[in-house]
Amino acid sequence: MNSHTKVQQRELTTEALNELIIESIQDIKGKNIIKLDMRKLEDAPTDYFIICEGDSNTQVKAIADHIQKRLKKEADTFASHVEGDRNALWVCIDYFTTVAHVFHKERRSFYELESLWSDARVTEYESL
């Protein structure tokens, strides 16, 4: 491959990644969307959590699948790990700097991630 045919890769910023995840959630009518900025927390496992919920297992799975599909298609970005997509009660999608948590409503209230990381800076997003 010579230098003229080499495809130049563009790097996706964390901010752009977060925006794309949030838009993807809104596309499938995810509810109670929040972003936790955990960059200033000492023991945080990542920089951001994006948390939302769906009303059914089908919706939870659809939201999680849509996030992955849009990031793959529009940003050539793949999750490093996905957990929980089989039963779709809580799907965790890890993009290193950001972890998206897509919950079934009852499961979200049980785990209360927002309370666990209550020192994080919270941004709420409109449910469409």
Protein backbone atom coordinates (compact mmCIF):
# COMPACT_ATOMS: atom_id res chain seq x y z
CA MET A 1 0.00 0.00 0.00
CA ASN A 2 1.49 3.32 -0.96
CA SER A 3 1.00 6.59 0.89
CA HIS A 4 -1.67 7.76 -1.56
CA THR A 5 -4.01 4.88 -0.79
CA LYS A 6 -3.48 4.85 2.96
CA VAL A 7 -6.68 5.68 4.85
CA GLN A 8 -6.21 8.29 7.53
CA GLN A 9 -7.90 7.39 10.84
CA ARG A 10 -9.48 10.18 12.80
CA GLU A 11 -9.57 9.96 16.56
CA LEU A 12 -12.92 10.28 18.30
CA THR A 13 -12.80 12.60 21.30
CA THR A 14 -14.41 11.46 24.54
CA GLU A 15 -16.85 14.37 24.28
CA ALA A 16 -17.92 13.29 20.77
CA LEU A 17 -18.19 9.68 21.94
CA ASN A 18 -20.46 10.73 24.81
CA GLU A 19 -22.65 12.82 22.52
CA LEU A 20 -23.04 9.94 20.09
CA ILE A 21 -23.98 7.54 22.91
CA ILE A 22 -26.58 9.98 24.27
CA GLU A 23 -28.05 10.60 20.80
CA SER A 24 -28.23 6.84 20.25
CA ILE A 25 -30.16 6.40 23.50
CA GLN A 26 -32.56 9.20 22.55
CA ASP A 27 -33.11 7.60 19.11
CA ILE A 28 -34.67 4.55 20.81
CA LYS A 29 -36.57 6.62 23.41
CA GLY A 30 -34.37 5.73 26.38
CA LYS A 31 -35.48 7.44 29.58
CA ASN A 32 -33.87 9.23 32.54
CA ILE A 33 -30.56 9.74 30.77
CA ILE A 34 -27.70 11.03 32.88
CA LYS A 35 -23.96 11.43 32.47
CA LEU A 36 -21.71 11.09 35.50
CA ASP A 37 -18.39 12.90 35.12
CA MET A 38 -16.06 10.95 37.40
CA ARG A 39 -12.73 12.39 36.29
CA LYS A 40 -12.11 14.10 39.65
CA LEU A 41 -12.97 11.04 41.74
CA GLU A 42 -10.01 9.12 43.11
CA ASP A 43 -11.30 5.54 42.75
CA ALA A 44 -13.37 5.92 39.60
CA PRO A 45 -13.14 3.00 37.16
CA THR A 46 -13.56 5.28 34.13
CA ASP A 47 -13.99 8.96 33.22
CA TYR A 48 -17.73 8.85 32.49
CA PHE A 49 -20.79 6.73 33.11
CA ILE A 50 -23.79 7.31 30.89
CA ILE A 51 -26.88 5.77 32.44
CA CYS A 52 -30.38 5.32 31.04
CA GLU A 53 -33.32 2.98 31.27
CA GLY A 54 -35.84 1.25 29.09
CA ASP A 55 -39.34 0.03 29.87
CA SER A 56 -38.81 -3.56 28.67
CA ASN A 57 -36.06 -6.08 27.95
CA THR A 58 -36.73 -5.53 24.26
CA GLN A 59 -36.17 -1.77 24.56
CA VAL A 60 -33.05 -2.21 26.73
CA LYS A 61 -31.57 -4.56 24.12
CA ALA A 62 -32.56 -2.22 21.28
CA ILE A 63 -30.89 0.77 22.97
CA ALA A 64 -27.68 -1.18 23.65
CA ASP A 65 -27.58 -2.55 20.10
CA HIS A 66 -28.23 0.91 18.62
CA ILE A 67 -25.39 2.49 20.61
CA GLN A 68 -22.96 -0.12 19.32
CA LYS A 69 -24.27 0.08 15.76
CA ARG A 70 -23.98 3.89 15.54
CA LEU A 71 -20.52 4.01 17.09
CA LYS A 72 -19.31 1.31 14.73
CA LYS A 73 -20.86 2.92 11.65
CA GLU A 74 -20.28 6.61 12.37
CA ALA A 75 -17.05 6.55 14.35
CA ASP A 76 -15.46 3.17 13.57
CA THR A 77 -15.40 2.60 17.33
CA PHE A 78 -16.06 -0.72 19.01
CA ALA A 79 -16.80 -1.52 22.64
CA SER A 80 -13.96 -3.19 24.48
CA HIS A 81 -16.50 -5.28 26.40
CA VAL A 82 -20.28 -5.77 26.50
CA GLU A 83 -22.01 -7.50 29.39
CA GLY A 84 -25.64 -8.41 30.01
CA ASP A 85 -27.04 -8.22 26.49
CA ARG A 86 -28.40 -11.75 26.67
CA ASN A 87 -31.12 -11.13 29.29
CA ALA A 88 -31.19 -7.34 28.77
CA LEU A 89 -31.93 -6.31 32.35
CA TRP A 90 -28.69 -4.33 32.62
CA VAL A 91 -26.41 -3.99 29.61
CA CYS A 92 -22.98 -2.54 30.26
CA ILE A 93 -21.04 -1.29 27.22
CA ASP A 94 -17.41 -0.37 27.90
CA TYR A 95 -15.67 2.17 25.65
CA PHE A 96 -12.65 2.66 28.00
CA THR A 97 -13.16 6.35 28.86
CA THR A 98 -16.95 5.99 28.94
CA VAL A 99 -19.11 3.13 30.14
CA ALA A 100 -22.76 3.12 29.06
CA HIS A 101 -25.25 1.43 31.40
CA VAL A 102 -28.63 0.58 29.89
CA PHE A 103 -31.00 -0.61 32.60
CA HIS A 104 -34.44 -2.11 32.82
CA LYS A 105 -36.29 0.36 35.08
CA GLU A 106 -36.58 -1.95 38.12
CA ARG A 107 -32.97 -3.07 37.87
CA ARG A 108 -31.76 0.54 37.81
CA SER A 109 -33.59 1.43 41.02
CA PHE A 110 -32.16 -1.69 42.70
CA TYR A 111 -28.50 -0.93 41.90
CA GLU A 112 -28.67 2.89 42.22
CA LEU A 113 -25.37 3.64 40.48
CA GLU A 114 -26.11 7.35 40.79
CA SER A 115 -26.07 7.02 44.59
CA LEU A 116 -22.94 4.89 44.56
CA TRP A 117 -21.10 7.59 42.59
CA SER A 118 -22.94 10.57 44.12
CA ASP A 119 -19.75 12.68 44.23
CA ALA A 120 -19.59 12.73 40.43
CA ARG A 121 -20.78 15.74 38.47
CA VAL A 122 -24.21 14.90 37.03
CA THR A 123 -25.65 16.10 33.72
CA GLU A 124 -29.25 15.17 32.91
CA TYR A 125 -30.54 14.82 29.36
CA GLU A 126 -33.99 15.09 27.93
CA SER A 127 -35.88 11.92 27.19
CA LEU A 128 -37.32 12.27 23.70
